Amino acid sequence: MAPQNGMGIAAMVLGIISCTLFCLYGVVSLVTGILAVVFGIKGRKRAEAGVATNHGQAQAGLIMGIIGIILGITVIVLIAVGITAAINSDDYDDDPYYGAQGPVATAASHR
């Protein structure tokens, strides 16, 4: 009977994707990281039961999935903090002439 290594391979691929795509607002990394953890756990259980032969790939997928989840949550929190800071910012433009009208042409200035 051939080994059933699909879960371990899927975990590793999804773990790699979750670690590399965290820059897409963290959502992709979070979703693929969760899937990598689930497939990694199932792949490890299959390898421990002797049905699969890729315990290392499943373990790597599990670890990379956890790292991807952490990266995704970090990016989401940083974006939320940045948006909140930008909304609550009372800092206006430092230019004292910002919004002031420019020079007005008069008849006396054209002589």
PDB file of N, CA and C in Angstrom:
ATOM      1  N   MET A   1       0.837  -1.184   0.000  1.00  0.00           N
ATOM      2  CA  MET A   1       0.000   0.000   0.000  1.00  0.00           C
ATOM      3  C   MET A   1       0.882   1.247   0.000  1.00  0.00           C
ATOM      4  N   ALA A   2       0.568   2.191  -0.877  1.00  0.00           N
ATOM      5  CA  ALA A   2       1.353   3.416  -0.991  1.00  0.00           C
ATOM      6  C   ALA A   2       1.075   4.336   0.197  1.00  0.00           C
ATOM      7  N   PRO A   3       2.103   5.078   0.668  1.00  0.00           N
ATOM      8  CA  PRO A   3       1.892   5.995   1.792  1.00  0.00           C
ATOM      9  C   PRO A   3       0.978   7.158   1.393  1.00  0.00           C
ATOM     10  N   GLN A   4       0.178   7.600   2.345  1.00  0.00           N
ATOM     11  CA  GLN A   4      -0.745   8.712   2.113  1.00  0.00           C
ATOM     12  C   GLN A   4      -0.126   9.991   2.672  1.00  0.00           C
ATOM     13  N   ASN A   5       0.669  10.640   1.834  1.00  0.00           N
ATOM     14  CA  ASN A   5       1.433  11.805   2.265  1.00  0.00           C
ATOM     15  C   ASN A   5       0.766  13.134   1.918  1.00  0.00           C
ATOM     16  N   GLY A   6      -0.459  13.119   1.475  1.00  0.00           N
ATOM     17  CA  GLY A   6      -1.126  14.340   1.019  1.00  0.00           C
ATOM     18  C   GLY A   6      -1.293  15.397   2.090  1.00  0.00           C
ATOM     19  N   MET A   7      -1.623  14.998   3.295  1.00  0.00           N
ATOM     20  CA  MET A   7      -1.841  15.975   4.367  1.00  0.00           C
ATOM     21  C   MET A   7      -0.539  16.693   4.739  1.00  0.00           C
ATOM     22  N   GLY A   8       0.548  15.949   4.818  1.00  0.00           N
ATOM     23  CA  GLY A   8       1.833  16.564   5.161  1.00  0.00           C
ATOM     24  C   GLY A   8       2.316  17.514   4.087  1.00  0.00           C
ATOM     25  N   ILE A   9       2.153  17.117   2.830  1.00  0.00           N
ATOM     26  CA  ILE A   9       2.563  17.983   1.722  1.00  0.00           C
ATOM     27  C   ILE A   9       1.695  19.232   1.695  1.00  0.00           C
ATOM     28  N   ALA A  10       0.386  19.065   1.872  1.00  0.00           N
ATOM     29  CA  ALA A  10      -0.514  20.224   1.895  1.00  0.00           C
ATOM     30  C   ALA A  10      -0.162  21.157   3.046  1.00  0.00           C
ATOM     31  N   ALA A  11       0.165  20.606   4.202  1.00  0.00           N
ATOM     32  CA  ALA A  11       0.539  21.431   5.350  1.00  0.00           C
ATOM     33  C   ALA A  11       1.786  22.238   5.055  1.00  0.00           C
ATOM     34  N   MET A  12       2.780  21.605   4.434  1.00  0.00           N
ATOM     35  CA  MET A  12       4.017  22.310   4.142  1.00  0.00           C
ATOM     36  C   MET A  12       3.805  23.417   3.104  1.00  0.00           C
ATOM     37  N   VAL A  13       3.051  23.118   2.058  1.00  0.00           N
ATOM     38  CA  VAL A  13       2.786  24.123   1.020  1.00  0.00           C
ATOM     39  C   VAL A  13       1.996  25.296   1.601  1.00  0.00           C
ATOM     40  N   LEU A  14       0.955  25.004   2.369  1.00  0.00           N
ATOM     41  CA  LEU A  14       0.157  26.075   2.968  1.00  0.00           C
ATOM     42  C   LEU A  14       0.968  26.861   3.998  1.00  0.00           C
ATOM     43  N   GLY A  15       1.866  26.194   4.706  1.00  0.00           N
ATOM     44  CA  GLY A  15       2.739  26.900   5.646  1.00  0.00           C
ATOM     45  C   GLY A  15       3.672  27.855   4.946  1.00  0.00           C
ATOM     46  N   ILE A  16       4.232  27.426   3.818  1.00  0.00           N
ATOM     47  CA  ILE A  16       5.103  28.308   3.039  1.00  0.00           C
ATOM     48  C   ILE A  16       4.304  29.495   2.517  1.00  0.00           C
ATOM     49  N   ILE A  17       3.112  29.243   2.013  1.00  0.00           N
ATOM     50  CA  ILE A  17       2.271  30.326   1.507  1.00  0.00           C
ATOM     51  C   ILE A  17       1.925  31.302   2.626  1.00  0.00           C
ATOM     52  N   SER A  18       1.595  30.789   3.803  1.00  0.00           N
ATOM     53  CA  SER A  18       1.216  31.680   4.898  1.00  0.00           C
ATOM     54  C   SER A  18       2.384  32.533   5.377  1.00  0.00           C
ATOM     55  N   CYS A  19       3.592  32.001   5.313  1.00  0.00           N
ATOM     56  CA  CYS A  19       4.763  32.781   5.739  1.00  0.00           C
ATOM     57  C   CYS A  19       5.194  33.806   4.702  1.00  0.00           C
ATOM     58  N   THR A  20       4.875  33.567   3.452  1.00  0.00           N
ATOM     59  CA  THR A  20       5.322  34.496   2.414  1.00  0.00           C
ATOM     60  C   THR A  20       4.270  35.534   2.037  1.00  0.00           C
ATOM     61  N   LEU A  21       3.011  35.258   2.277  1.00  0.00           N
ATOM     62  CA  LEU A  21       1.965  36.191   1.863  1.00  0.00           C
ATOM     63  C   LEU A  21       1.364  36.974   3.032  1.00  0.00           C
ATOM     64  N   PHE A  22       2.125  37.138   4.104  1.00  0.00           N
ATOM     65  CA  PHE A  22       1.605  37.898   5.237  1.00  0.00           C
ATOM     66  C   PHE A  22       1.447  39.376   4.886  1.00  0.00           C
ATOM     67  N   CYS A  23       2.128  39.830   3.840  1.00  0.00           N
ATOM     68  CA  CYS A  23       2.059  41.238   3.460  1.00  0.00           C
ATOM     69  C   CYS A  23       0.733  41.602   2.781  1.00  0.00           C
ATOM     70  N   LEU A  24      -0.110  40.637   2.488  1.00  0.00           N
ATOM     71  CA  LEU A  24      -1.422  40.919   1.893  1.00  0.00           C
ATOM     72  C   LEU A  24      -2.440  41.177   2.998  1.00  0.00           C
ATOM     73  N   TYR A  25      -2.178  42.196   3.798  1.00  0.00           N
ATOM     74  CA  TYR A  25      -3.054  42.638   4.888  1.00  0.00           C
ATOM     75  C   TYR A  25      -3.225  41.592   5.974  1.00  0.00           C
ATOM     76  N   GLY A  26      -2.476  40.516   5.960  1.00  0.00           N
ATOM     77  CA  GLY A  26      -2.516  39.515   7.011  1.00  0.00           C
ATOM     78  C   GLY A  26      -3.626  38.498   6.902  1.00  0.00           C
ATOM     79  N   VAL A  27      -4.636  38.764   6.082  1.00  0.00           N
ATOM     80  CA  VAL A  27      -5.792  37.871   6.004  1.00  0.00           C
ATOM     81  C   VAL A  27      -5.423  36.553   5.337  1.00  0.00           C
ATOM     82  N   VAL A  28      -4.707  36.622   4.237  1.00  0.00           N
ATOM     83  CA  VAL A  28      -4.307  35.411   3.515  1.00  0.00           C
ATOM     84  C   VAL A  28      -3.408  34.552   4.401  1.00  0.00           C
ATOM     85  N   SER A  29      -2.501  35.197   5.095  1.00  0.00           N
ATOM     86  CA  SER A  29      -1.597  34.478   5.977  1.00  0.00           C
ATOM     87  C   SER A  29      -2.345  33.808   7.119  1.00  0.00           C
ATOM     88  N   LEU A  30      -3.329  34.486   7.649  1.00  0.00           N
ATOM     89  CA  LEU A  30      -4.106  33.926   8.751  1.00  0.00           C
ATOM     90  C   LEU A  30      -4.894  32.695   8.308  1.00  0.00           C
ATOM     91  N   VAL A  31      -5.563  32.795   7.167  1.00  0.00           N
ATOM     92  CA  VAL A  31      -6.383  31.677   6.671  1.00  0.00           C
ATOM     93  C   VAL A  31      -5.508  30.485   6.291  1.00  0.00           C
ATOM     94  N   THR A  32      -4.467  30.725   5.513  1.00  0.00           N
ATOM     95  CA  THR A  32      -3.608  29.612   5.091  1.00  0.00           C
ATOM     96  C   THR A  32      -2.814  29.047   6.270  1.00  0.00           C
ATOM     97  N   GLY A  33      -2.492  29.877   7.247  1.00  0.00           N
ATOM     98  CA  GLY A  33      -1.805  29.392   8.435  1.00  0.00           C
ATOM     99  C   GLY A  33      -2.673  28.436   9.246  1.00  0.00           C
ATOM    100  N   ILE A  34      -3.952  28.789   9.392  1.00  0.00           N
ATOM    101  CA  ILE A  34      -4.878  27.910  10.110  1.00  0.00           C
ATOM    102  C   ILE A  34      -5.020  26.581   9.376  1.00  0.00           C
ATOM    103  N   LEU A  35      -5.151  26.643   8.052  1.00  0.00           N
ATOM    104  CA  LEU A  35      -5.248  25.409   7.271  1.00  0.00           C
ATOM    105  C   LEU A  35      -3.972  24.575   7.387  1.00  0.00           C
ATOM    106  N   ALA A  36      -2.818  25.239   7.382  1.00  0.00           N
ATOM    107  CA  ALA A  36      -1.549  24.518   7.510  1.00  0.00           C
ATOM    108  C   ALA A  36      -1.452  23.817   8.866  1.00  0.00           C
ATOM    109  N   VAL A  37      -1.922  24.468   9.917  1.00  0.00           N
ATOM    110  CA  VAL A  37      -1.894  23.846  11.247  1.00  0.00           C
ATOM    111  C   VAL A  37      -2.810  22.618  11.281  1.00  0.00           C
ATOM    112  N   VAL A  38      -4.006  22.751  10.718  1.00  0.00           N
ATOM    113  CA  VAL A  38      -4.948  21.627  10.711  1.00  0.00           C
ATOM    114  C   VAL A  38      -4.380  20.456   9.914  1.00  0.00           C
ATOM    115  N   PHE A  39      -3.885  20.740   8.707  1.00  0.00           N
ATOM    116  CA  PHE A  39      -3.320  19.664   7.886  1.00  0.00           C
ATOM    117  C   PHE A  39      -2.042  19.104   8.504  1.00  0.00           C
ATOM    118  N   GLY A  40      -1.268  19.940   9.174  1.00  0.00           N
ATOM    119  CA  GLY A  40      -0.046  19.469   9.825  1.00  0.00           C
ATOM    120  C   GLY A  40      -0.341  18.497  10.954  1.00  0.00           C
ATOM    121  N   ILE A  41      -1.358  18.811  11.742  1.00  0.00           N
ATOM    122  CA  ILE A  41      -1.745  17.906  12.824  1.00  0.00           C
ATOM    123  C   ILE A  41      -2.254  16.580  12.266  1.00  0.00           C
ATOM    124  N   LYS A  42      -3.105  16.661  11.230  1.00  0.00           N
ATOM    125  CA  LYS A  42      -3.616  15.420  10.621  1.00  0.00           C
ATOM    126  C   LYS A  42      -2.493  14.624   9.955  1.00  0.00           C
ATOM    127  N   GLY A  43      -1.563  15.310   9.312  1.00  0.00           N
ATOM    128  CA  GLY A  43      -0.439  14.632   8.678  1.00  0.00           C
ATOM    129  C   GLY A  43       0.474  13.961   9.686  1.00  0.00           C
ATOM    130  N   ARG A  44       0.707  14.617  10.826  1.00  0.00           N
ATOM    131  CA  ARG A  44       1.525  14.005  11.880  1.00  0.00           C
ATOM    132  C   ARG A  44       0.835  12.766  12.455  1.00  0.00           C
ATOM    133  N   LYS A  45      -0.471  12.849  12.637  1.00  0.00           N
ATOM    134  CA  LYS A  45      -1.202  11.686  13.160  1.00  0.00           C
ATOM    135  C   LYS A  45      -1.134  10.512  12.189  1.00  0.00           C
ATOM    136  N   ARG A  46      -1.221  10.817  10.888  1.00  0.00           N
ATOM    137  CA  ARG A  46      -1.099   9.741   9.889  1.00  0.00           C
ATOM    138  C   ARG A  46       0.298   9.138   9.904  1.00  0.00           C
ATOM    139  N   ALA A  47       1.308   9.994  10.052  1.00  0.00           N
ATOM    140  CA  ALA A  47       2.684   9.493  10.072  1.00  0.00           C
ATOM    141  C   ALA A  47       2.941   8.661  11.328  1.00  0.00           C
ATOM    142  N   GLU A  48       2.399   9.080  12.456  1.00  0.00           N
ATOM    143  CA  GLU A  48       2.569   8.314  13.696  1.00  0.00           C
ATOM    144  C   GLU A  48       1.818   6.986  13.652  1.00  0.00           C
ATOM    145  N   ALA A  49       0.709   6.958  12.873  1.00  0.00           N
ATOM    146  CA  ALA A  49      -0.049   5.712  12.734  1.00  0.00           C
ATOM    147  C   ALA A  49       0.588   4.773  11.714  1.00  0.00           C
ATOM    148  N   GLY A  50       1.594   5.255  10.980  1.00  0.00           N
ATOM    149  CA  GLY A  50       2.272   4.420   9.998  1.00  0.00           C
ATOM    150  C   GLY A  50       1.632   4.435   8.628  1.00  0.00           C
ATOM    151  N   VAL A  51       0.625   5.264   8.439  1.00  0.00           N
ATOM    152  CA  VAL A  51      -0.050   5.346   7.140  1.00  0.00           C
ATOM    153  C   VAL A  51       0.741   6.233   6.177  1.00  0.00           C
ATOM    154  N   ALA A  52       1.431   7.262   6.715  1.00  0.00           N
ATOM    155  CA  ALA A  52       2.212   8.188   5.892  1.00  0.00           C
ATOM    156  C   ALA A  52       3.676   8.094   6.291  1.00  0.00           C
ATOM    157  N   THR A  53       4.548   8.596   5.410  1.00  0.00           N
ATOM    158  CA  THR A  53       5.989   8.527   5.663  1.00  0.00           C
ATOM    159  C   THR A  53       6.638   9.893   5.749  1.00  0.00           C
ATOM    160  N   ASN A  54       5.856  10.939   5.839  1.00  0.00           N
ATOM    161  CA  ASN A  54       6.434  12.291   5.800  1.00  0.00           C
ATOM    162  C   ASN A  54       6.152  13.070   7.076  1.00  0.00           C
ATOM    163  N   HIS A  55       6.580  12.546   8.183  1.00  0.00           N
ATOM    164  CA  HIS A  55       6.386  13.204   9.474  1.00  0.00           C
ATOM    165  C   HIS A  55       7.075  14.560   9.489  1.00  0.00           C
ATOM    166  N   GLY A  56       8.245  14.644   8.893  1.00  0.00           N
ATOM    167  CA  GLY A  56       9.003  15.906   8.869  1.00  0.00           C
ATOM    168  C   GLY A  56       8.294  16.994   8.093  1.00  0.00           C
ATOM    169  N   GLN A  57       7.703  16.655   6.960  1.00  0.00           N
ATOM    170  CA  GLN A  57       6.968  17.648   6.182  1.00  0.00           C
ATOM    171  C   GLN A  57       5.743  18.136   6.949  1.00  0.00           C
ATOM    172  N   ALA A  58       5.035  17.237   7.582  1.00  0.00           N
ATOM    173  CA  ALA A  58       3.865  17.633   8.366  1.00  0.00           C
ATOM    174  C   ALA A  58       4.280  18.524   9.530  1.00  0.00           C
ATOM    175  N   GLN A  59       5.382  18.193  10.182  1.00  0.00           N
ATOM    176  CA  GLN A  59       5.881  19.005  11.293  1.00  0.00           C
ATOM    177  C   GLN A  59       6.306  20.389  10.795  1.00  0.00           C
ATOM    178  N   ALA A  60       6.999  20.449   9.664  1.00  0.00           N
ATOM    179  CA  ALA A  60       7.408  21.737   9.102  1.00  0.00           C
ATOM    180  C   ALA A  60       6.188  22.581   8.726  1.00  0.00           C
ATOM    181  N   GLY A  61       5.177  21.956   8.146  1.00  0.00           N
ATOM    182  CA  GLY A  61       3.958  22.677   7.804  1.00  0.00           C
ATOM    183  C   GLY A  61       3.252  23.210   9.028  1.00  0.00           C
ATOM    184  N   LEU A  62       3.235  22.425  10.094  1.00  0.00           N
ATOM    185  CA  LEU A  62       2.626  22.859  11.348  1.00  0.00           C
ATOM    186  C   LEU A  62       3.357  24.073  11.916  1.00  0.00           C
ATOM    187  N   ILE A  63       4.673  24.012  11.956  1.00  0.00           N
ATOM    188  CA  ILE A  63       5.465  25.120  12.503  1.00  0.00           C
ATOM    189  C   ILE A  63       5.326  26.369  11.641  1.00  0.00           C
ATOM    190  N   MET A  64       5.419  26.215  10.320  1.00  0.00           N
ATOM    191  CA  MET A  64       5.278  27.382   9.439  1.00  0.00           C
ATOM    192  C   MET A  64       3.863  27.945   9.492  1.00  0.00           C
ATOM    193  N   GLY A  65       2.875  27.096   9.692  1.00  0.00           N
ATOM    194  CA  GLY A  65       1.506  27.571   9.848  1.00  0.00           C
ATOM    195  C   GLY A  65       1.351  28.428  11.088  1.00  0.00           C
ATOM    196  N   ILE A  66       1.962  28.005  12.190  1.00  0.00           N
ATOM    197  CA  ILE A  66       1.919  28.797  13.423  1.00  0.00           C
ATOM    198  C   ILE A  66       2.624  30.136  13.229  1.00  0.00           C
ATOM    199  N   ILE A  67       3.775  30.108  12.568  1.00  0.00           N
ATOM    200  CA  ILE A  67       4.495  31.356  12.285  1.00  0.00           C
ATOM    201  C   ILE A  67       3.660  32.248  11.377  1.00  0.00           C
ATOM    202  N   GLY A  68       3.002  31.678  10.370  1.00  0.00           N
ATOM    203  CA  GLY A  68       2.148  32.453   9.470  1.00  0.00           C
ATOM    204  C   GLY A  68       0.970  33.076  10.194  1.00  0.00           C
ATOM    205  N   ILE A  69       0.390  32.337  11.146  1.00  0.00           N
ATOM    206  CA  ILE A  69      -0.718  32.898  11.940  1.00  0.00           C
ATOM    207  C   ILE A  69      -0.220  34.081  12.765  1.00  0.00           C
ATOM    208  N   ILE A  70       0.939  33.947  13.380  1.00  0.00           N
ATOM    209  CA  ILE A  70       1.502  35.034  14.181  1.00  0.00           C
ATOM    210  C   ILE A  70       1.792  36.251  13.303  1.00  0.00           C
ATOM    211  N   LEU A  71       2.380  36.025  12.124  1.00  0.00           N
ATOM    212  CA  LEU A  71       2.655  37.134  11.208  1.00  0.00           C
ATOM    213  C   LEU A  71       1.364  37.801  10.750  1.00  0.00           C
ATOM    214  N   GLY A  72       0.358  37.002  10.420  1.00  0.00           N
ATOM    215  CA  GLY A  72      -0.913  37.560   9.968  1.00  0.00           C
ATOM    216  C   GLY A  72      -1.588  38.395  11.032  1.00  0.00           C
ATOM    217  N   ILE A  73      -1.617  37.888  12.266  1.00  0.00           N
ATOM    218  CA  ILE A  73      -2.227  38.648  13.358  1.00  0.00           C
ATOM    219  C   ILE A  73      -1.441  39.925  13.627  1.00  0.00           C
ATOM    220  N   THR A  74      -0.113  39.844  13.554  1.00  0.00           N
ATOM    221  CA  THR A  74       0.715  41.032  13.762  1.00  0.00           C
ATOM    222  C   THR A  74       0.424  42.099  12.724  1.00  0.00           C
ATOM    223  N   VAL A  75       0.327  41.709  11.461  1.00  0.00           N
ATOM    224  CA  VAL A  75       0.044  42.678  10.398  1.00  0.00           C
ATOM    225  C   VAL A  75      -1.346  43.284  10.580  1.00  0.00           C
ATOM    226  N   ILE A  76      -2.329  42.465  10.920  1.00  0.00           N
ATOM    227  CA  ILE A  76      -3.684  42.978  11.127  1.00  0.00           C
ATOM    228  C   ILE A  76      -3.707  43.972  12.286  1.00  0.00           C
ATOM    229  N   VAL A  77      -3.010  43.659  13.379  1.00  0.00           N
ATOM    230  CA  VAL A  77      -2.962  44.573  14.531  1.00  0.00           C
ATOM    231  C   VAL A  77      -2.246  45.863  14.164  1.00  0.00           C
ATOM    232  N   LEU A  78      -1.126  45.769  13.437  1.00  0.00           N
ATOM    233  CA  LEU A  78      -0.404  46.979  13.039  1.00  0.00           C
ATOM    234  C   LEU A  78      -1.241  47.859  12.118  1.00  0.00           C
ATOM    235  N   ILE A  79      -1.970  47.259  11.207  1.00  0.00           N
ATOM    236  CA  ILE A  79      -2.839  48.041  10.327  1.00  0.00           C
ATOM    237  C   ILE A  79      -3.949  48.703  11.135  1.00  0.00           C
ATOM    238  N   ALA A  80      -4.546  47.978  12.078  1.00  0.00           N
ATOM    239  CA  ALA A  80      -5.610  48.541  12.908  1.00  0.00           C
ATOM    240  C   ALA A  80      -5.086  49.697  13.758  1.00  0.00           C
ATOM    241  N   VAL A  81      -3.897  49.533  14.323  1.00  0.00           N
ATOM    242  CA  VAL A  81      -3.301  50.610  15.122  1.00  0.00           C
ATOM    243  C   VAL A  81      -2.997  51.820  14.239  1.00  0.00           C
ATOM    244  N   GLY A  82      -2.465  51.586  13.053  1.00  0.00           N
ATOM    245  CA  GLY A  82      -2.166  52.684  12.139  1.00  0.00           C
ATOM    246  C   GLY A  82      -3.412  53.442  11.709  1.00  0.00           C
ATOM    247  N   ILE A  83      -4.469  52.719  11.404  1.00  0.00           N
ATOM    248  CA  ILE A  83      -5.718  53.365  11.007  1.00  0.00           C
ATOM    249  C   ILE A  83      -6.298  54.149  12.178  1.00  0.00           C
ATOM    250  N   THR A  84      -6.272  53.556  13.372  1.00  0.00           N
ATOM    251  CA  THR A  84      -6.791  54.246  14.555  1.00  0.00           C
ATOM    252  C   THR A  84      -5.977  55.499  14.851  1.00  0.00           C
ATOM    253  N   ALA A  85      -4.671  55.424  14.724  1.00  0.00           N
ATOM    254  CA  ALA A  85      -3.828  56.596  14.967  1.00  0.00           C
ATOM    255  C   ALA A  85      -4.071  57.677  13.923  1.00  0.00           C
ATOM    256  N   ALA A  86      -4.300  57.278  12.692  1.00  0.00           N
ATOM    257  CA  ALA A  86      -4.553  58.269  11.642  1.00  0.00           C
ATOM    258  C   ALA A  86      -5.909  58.940  11.826  1.00  0.00           C
ATOM    259  N   ILE A  87      -6.903  58.174  12.262  1.00  0.00           N
ATOM    260  CA  ILE A  87      -8.233  58.747  12.473  1.00  0.00           C
ATOM    261  C   ILE A  87      -8.227  59.707  13.655  1.00  0.00           C
ATOM    262  N   ASN A  88      -7.533  59.342  14.714  1.00  0.00           N
ATOM    263  CA  ASN A  88      -7.541  60.154  15.935  1.00  0.00           C
ATOM    264  C   ASN A  88      -6.457  61.217  15.969  1.00  0.00           C
ATOM    265  N   SER A  89      -5.743  61.405  14.898  1.00  0.00           N
ATOM    266  CA  SER A  89      -4.664  62.377  14.861  1.00  0.00           C
ATOM    267  C   SER A  89      -5.229  63.790  14.833  1.00  0.00           C
ATOM    268  N   ASP A  90      -4.732  64.627  15.734  1.00  0.00           N
ATOM    269  CA  ASP A  90      -5.123  66.040  15.762  1.00  0.00           C
ATOM    270  C   ASP A  90      -4.067  66.899  15.101  1.00  0.00           C
ATOM    271  N   ASP A  91      -3.121  66.290  14.452  1.00  0.00           N
ATOM    272  CA  ASP A  91      -2.018  66.995  13.828  1.00  0.00           C
ATOM    273  C   ASP A  91      -2.469  67.582  12.498  1.00  0.00           C
ATOM    274  N   TYR A  92      -2.364  68.886  12.384  1.00  0.00           N
ATOM    275  CA  TYR A  92      -2.711  69.557  11.144  1.00  0.00           C
ATOM    276  C   TYR A  92      -1.422  69.925  10.429  1.00  0.00           C
ATOM    277  N   ASP A  93      -1.561  70.440   9.261  1.00  0.00           N
ATOM    278  CA  ASP A  93      -0.397  70.847   8.488  1.00  0.00           C
ATOM    279  C   ASP A  93       0.351  71.939   9.246  1.00  0.00           C
ATOM    280  N   ASP A  94       1.673  71.872   9.280  1.00  0.00           N
ATOM    281  CA  ASP A  94       2.470  72.829  10.045  1.00  0.00           C
ATOM    282  C   ASP A  94       2.667  74.155   9.318  1.00  0.00           C
ATOM    283  N   ASP A  95       2.246  74.264   8.096  1.00  0.00           N
ATOM    284  CA  ASP A  95       2.409  75.486   7.322  1.00  0.00           C
ATOM    285  C   ASP A  95       1.430  76.544   7.838  1.00  0.00           C
ATOM    286  N   PRO A  96       1.938  77.682   8.331  1.00  0.00           N
ATOM    287  CA  PRO A  96       1.017  78.696   8.861  1.00  0.00           C
ATOM    288  C   PRO A  96       0.151  79.327   7.774  1.00  0.00           C
ATOM    289  N   TYR A  97       0.577  79.206   6.533  1.00  0.00           N
ATOM    290  CA  TYR A  97      -0.189  79.800   5.438  1.00  0.00           C
ATOM    291  C   TYR A  97      -1.085  78.783   4.742  1.00  0.00           C
ATOM    292  N   TYR A  98      -1.214  77.585   5.305  1.00  0.00           N
ATOM    293  CA  TYR A  98      -2.039  76.547   4.704  1.00  0.00           C
ATOM    294  C   TYR A  98      -3.489  77.002   4.692  1.00  0.00           C
ATOM    295  N   GLY A  99      -4.091  77.024   3.533  1.00  0.00           N
ATOM    296  CA  GLY A  99      -5.484  77.421   3.395  1.00  0.00           C
ATOM    297  C   GLY A  99      -5.676  78.915   3.241  1.00  0.00           C
ATOM    298  N   ALA A 100      -4.606  79.708   3.369  1.00  0.00           N
ATOM    299  CA  ALA A 100      -4.731  81.158   3.211  1.00  0.00           C
ATOM    300  C   ALA A 100      -4.806  81.494   1.732  1.00  0.00           C
ATOM    301  N   GLN A 101      -5.462  82.605   1.453  1.00  0.00           N
ATOM    302  CA  GLN A 101      -5.554  83.039   0.063  1.00  0.00           C
ATOM    303  C   GLN A 101      -4.224  83.619  -0.384  1.00  0.00           C
ATOM    304  N   GLY A 102      -3.945  83.477  -1.649  1.00  0.00           N
ATOM    305  CA  GLY A 102      -2.732  84.027  -2.223  1.00  0.00           C
ATOM    306  C   GLY A 102      -2.853  85.542  -2.377  1.00  0.00           C
ATOM    307  N   PRO A 103      -1.837  86.154  -2.946  1.00  0.00           N
ATOM    308  CA  PRO A 103      -1.891  87.615  -3.118  1.00  0.00           C
ATOM    309  C   PRO A 103      -3.036  88.003  -4.069  1.00  0.00           C
ATOM    310  N   VAL A 104      -3.670  89.084  -3.738  1.00  0.00           N
ATOM    311  CA  VAL A 104      -4.790  89.569  -4.528  1.00  0.00           C
ATOM    312  C   VAL A 104      -4.288  90.702  -5.415  1.00  0.00           C
ATOM    313  N   ALA A 105      -4.549  90.611  -6.702  1.00  0.00           N
ATOM    314  CA  ALA A 105      -4.125  91.648  -7.641  1.00  0.00           C
ATOM    315  C   ALA A 105      -5.046  92.844  -7.503  1.00  0.00           C
ATOM    316  N   THR A 106      -4.426  94.022  -7.379  1.00  0.00           N
ATOM    317  CA  THR A 106      -5.196  95.266  -7.308  1.00  0.00           C
ATOM    318  C   THR A 106      -4.764  96.179  -8.436  1.00  0.00           C
ATOM    319  N   ALA A 107      -5.509  97.239  -8.633  1.00  0.00           N
ATOM    320  CA  ALA A 107      -5.174  98.184  -9.708  1.00  0.00           C
ATOM    321  C   ALA A 107      -3.883  98.920  -9.394  1.00  0.00           C
ATOM    322  N   ALA A 108      -3.568  99.166  -8.153  1.00  0.00           N
ATOM    323  CA  ALA A 108      -2.361  99.892  -7.793  1.00  0.00           C
ATOM    324  C   ALA A 108      -1.110  99.051  -8.018  1.00  0.00           C
ATOM    325  N   SER A 109      -1.222  97.744  -7.997  1.00  0.00           N
ATOM    326  CA  SER A 109      -0.033  96.901  -8.160  1.00  0.00           C
ATOM    327  C   SER A 109       0.378  96.720  -9.609  1.00  0.00           C
ATOM    328  N   HIS A 110      -0.428  97.203 -10.568  1.00  0.00           N
ATOM    329  CA  HIS A 110      -0.105  97.031 -11.980  1.00  0.00           C
ATOM    330  C   HIS A 110       0.558  98.249 -12.594  1.00  0.00           C
ATOM    331  N   ARG A 111       0.916  99.258 -11.877  1.00  0.00           N
ATOM    332  CA  ARG A 111       1.526 100.490 -12.406  1.00  0.00           C
ATOM    333  C   ARG A 111       2.911 100.297 -12.821  1.00  0.00           C
TER     334      ARG A 111
END
